[in-house]
Amino acid sequence: MTTFLCTLVAALGALAGVSDGQSSGSDNTSSGTSVVSQMPGGTVSMQCNFHPGGTVLWYKQESDGKMEFARDAQLIVSDNRYQIRSENGAYVLTINPTREEDSGQFMCHSSDMRGMIYEHTFLVTIGAGGGASRTTAAYVGTIAAALLLLI
């Protein structure tokens, strides 16, 4: 019964678009994915850890390829709604205020001096669906908590 409930909770989380951000790549690559939803006019922050002696690159997937957004702590885009800062061993890319055209796939690519590569993808949705996604995820979490109490 417990296995069934855990499987049900995982399936509900997957349907709601909830990601734990944990997945692994090849031997020298570590990767993950996060889902970010927000209403227009809000703030979205995405964090990418950096490693001594390494580099960090931020990209956004465009229809014609990847557009570089930032390199280490330097923004490449000139839109003042985008900011990057260094915080506790990570670079944080922030969009404030958000617009629907900010929706898309952002990628962080960092490396260390040993050649280890770290990649993280942020699936960003800005718009009416943003609030609905958060509500759905919160609802699934409430169902999961209630099911665990029944055990």
Protein backbone atom coordinates (compact mmCIF):
# COMPACT_ATOMS: atom_id res chain seq x y z
CA MET A 1 0.00 0.00 0.00
CA THR A 2 2.79 2.44 0.87
CA THR A 3 4.56 1.77 -2.47
CA PHE A 4 1.31 2.42 -4.31
CA LEU A 5 0.83 5.77 -2.55
CA CYS A 6 4.44 6.85 -3.23
CA THR A 7 4.00 5.96 -6.90
CA LEU A 8 0.72 7.89 -6.98
CA VAL A 9 2.32 10.96 -5.41
CA ALA A 10 5.22 10.82 -7.92
CA ALA A 11 2.79 10.48 -10.83
CA LEU A 12 0.70 13.42 -9.62
CA GLY A 13 3.86 15.50 -9.26
CA ALA A 14 4.89 14.66 -12.81
CA LEU A 15 1.45 15.62 -14.14
CA ALA A 16 1.63 18.96 -12.32
CA GLY A 17 5.04 19.75 -13.81
CA VAL A 18 6.84 19.58 -10.48
CA SER A 19 10.54 18.85 -10.84
CA ASP A 20 13.02 17.90 -8.17
CA GLY A 21 15.82 19.31 -10.31
CA GLN A 22 17.86 16.13 -9.99
CA SER A 23 19.05 14.09 -12.91
CA SER A 24 22.44 12.93 -14.02
CA GLY A 25 24.32 12.94 -17.27
CA SER A 26 27.54 11.21 -18.34
CA ASP A 27 30.51 10.56 -16.06
CA ASN A 28 31.84 14.13 -16.25
CA THR A 29 28.49 15.92 -16.61
CA SER A 30 25.85 16.62 -14.00
CA SER A 31 22.51 18.04 -15.12
CA GLY A 32 19.05 18.93 -13.87
CA THR A 33 15.84 20.71 -14.78
CA SER A 34 13.61 23.13 -12.90
CA VAL A 35 10.15 24.39 -13.83
CA VAL A 36 9.52 28.07 -13.09
CA SER A 37 6.08 29.70 -13.46
CA GLN A 38 5.21 33.33 -12.81
CA MET A 39 2.59 35.88 -13.69
CA PRO A 40 3.67 38.91 -15.78
CA GLY A 41 5.07 41.71 -13.63
CA GLY A 42 6.58 39.34 -11.07
CA THR A 43 10.16 38.29 -10.40
CA VAL A 44 11.96 35.14 -11.51
CA SER A 45 15.38 34.18 -10.11
CA MET A 46 17.46 31.27 -11.42
CA GLN A 47 20.56 30.07 -9.60
CA CYS A 48 23.67 28.42 -11.03
CA ASN A 49 26.51 27.28 -8.76
CA PHE A 50 30.04 28.17 -9.76
CA HIS A 51 33.27 26.40 -8.95
CA PRO A 52 36.75 27.85 -8.30
CA GLY A 53 38.74 28.10 -11.52
CA GLY A 54 35.67 27.44 -13.67
CA THR A 55 33.27 29.45 -15.79
CA VAL A 56 29.52 29.95 -15.89
CA LEU A 57 27.54 30.67 -19.06
CA TRP A 58 23.82 31.50 -19.23
CA TYR A 59 21.86 30.89 -22.44
CA LYS A 60 18.28 31.22 -23.61
CA GLN A 61 17.07 28.85 -26.33
CA GLU A 62 15.76 30.87 -29.26
CA SER A 63 14.16 29.63 -32.50
CA ASP A 64 17.48 30.19 -34.32
CA GLY A 65 19.73 28.68 -31.63
CA LYS A 66 21.10 29.64 -28.23
CA MET A 67 21.45 33.28 -27.25
CA GLU A 68 24.13 33.94 -24.64
CA PHE A 69 22.78 35.98 -21.71
CA ALA A 70 25.69 36.16 -19.30
CA ARG A 71 29.25 35.00 -18.77
CA ASP A 72 30.22 34.59 -15.10
CA ALA A 73 28.98 37.78 -13.37
CA GLN A 74 28.72 39.86 -16.59
CA LEU A 75 25.41 40.32 -18.39
CA ILE A 76 25.59 40.31 -22.17
CA VAL A 77 22.01 41.46 -22.79
CA SER A 78 21.26 45.17 -22.49
CA ASP A 79 17.72 44.83 -21.08
CA ASN A 80 17.78 46.40 -17.59
CA ARG A 81 15.06 43.97 -16.41
CA TYR A 82 17.79 41.30 -16.31
CA GLN A 83 20.31 41.32 -13.47
CA ILE A 84 23.01 38.92 -12.37
CA ARG A 85 24.65 38.77 -8.98
CA SER A 86 27.05 36.54 -7.10
CA GLU A 87 25.58 35.01 -3.96
CA ASN A 88 26.98 32.22 -1.72
CA GLY A 89 28.92 30.37 -4.43
CA ALA A 90 26.30 30.87 -7.13
CA TYR A 91 25.38 33.30 -9.85
CA VAL A 92 21.72 34.30 -9.72
CA LEU A 93 20.04 35.51 -12.91
CA THR A 94 16.93 37.59 -12.10
CA ILE A 95 14.19 38.91 -14.38
CA ASN A 96 12.14 41.76 -12.86
CA PRO A 97 9.50 42.62 -13.93
CA THR A 98 8.69 39.57 -16.03
CA ARG A 99 6.91 39.69 -19.38
CA GLU A 100 5.30 36.90 -21.38
CA GLU A 101 8.13 37.07 -23.94
CA ASP A 102 10.53 36.01 -21.14
CA SER A 103 9.01 32.52 -21.36
CA GLY A 104 11.33 29.88 -22.67
CA GLN A 105 14.20 27.59 -21.86
CA PHE A 106 17.14 29.10 -19.97
CA MET A 107 20.30 27.05 -19.54
CA CYS A 108 23.16 27.40 -17.11
CA HIS A 109 26.44 25.74 -18.10
CA SER A 110 29.24 25.77 -15.56
CA SER A 111 32.53 23.96 -15.38
CA ASP A 112 35.30 23.52 -12.87
CA MET A 113 39.07 23.36 -13.27
CA ARG A 114 38.99 19.51 -13.32
CA GLY A 115 36.79 19.50 -16.43
CA MET A 116 33.54 18.56 -14.65
CA ILE A 117 30.56 20.12 -16.44
CA TYR A 118 27.37 21.14 -14.65
CA GLU A 119 24.24 21.95 -16.66
CA HIS A 120 20.85 23.09 -15.44
CA THR A 121 17.79 23.94 -17.53
CA PHE A 122 15.05 26.27 -16.34
CA LEU A 123 11.72 25.94 -18.16
CA VAL A 124 10.23 29.39 -17.61
CA THR A 125 6.54 30.14 -18.21
CA ILE A 126 5.33 33.73 -17.82
CA GLY A 127 1.61 34.29 -18.25
CA ALA A 128 -1.82 33.21 -17.13
CA GLY A 129 -0.63 29.61 -16.91
CA GLY A 130 2.05 30.66 -14.42
CA GLY A 131 -0.37 31.11 -11.53
CA ALA A 132 -2.27 27.96 -12.48
CA SER A 133 0.92 25.88 -12.43
CA ARG A 134 1.80 27.00 -8.92
CA THR A 135 -1.75 26.33 -7.76
CA THR A 136 -1.68 22.84 -9.28
CA ALA A 137 1.66 22.04 -7.67
CA ALA A 138 0.40 23.27 -4.28
CA TYR A 139 -2.79 21.21 -4.69
CA VAL A 140 -0.79 18.07 -5.50
CA GLY A 141 1.39 18.71 -2.44
CA THR A 142 -1.73 18.98 -0.27
CA ILE A 143 -3.09 15.70 -1.68
CA ALA A 144 0.27 13.99 -1.08
CA ALA A 145 0.38 15.21 2.55
CA ALA A 146 -3.19 14.02 3.13
CA LEU A 147 -2.42 10.59 1.66
CA LEU A 148 0.66 10.22 3.85
CA LEU A 149 -1.40 11.03 6.94
CA LEU A 150 -3.79 8.20 6.05
CA ILE A 151 -1.01 5.61 6.17
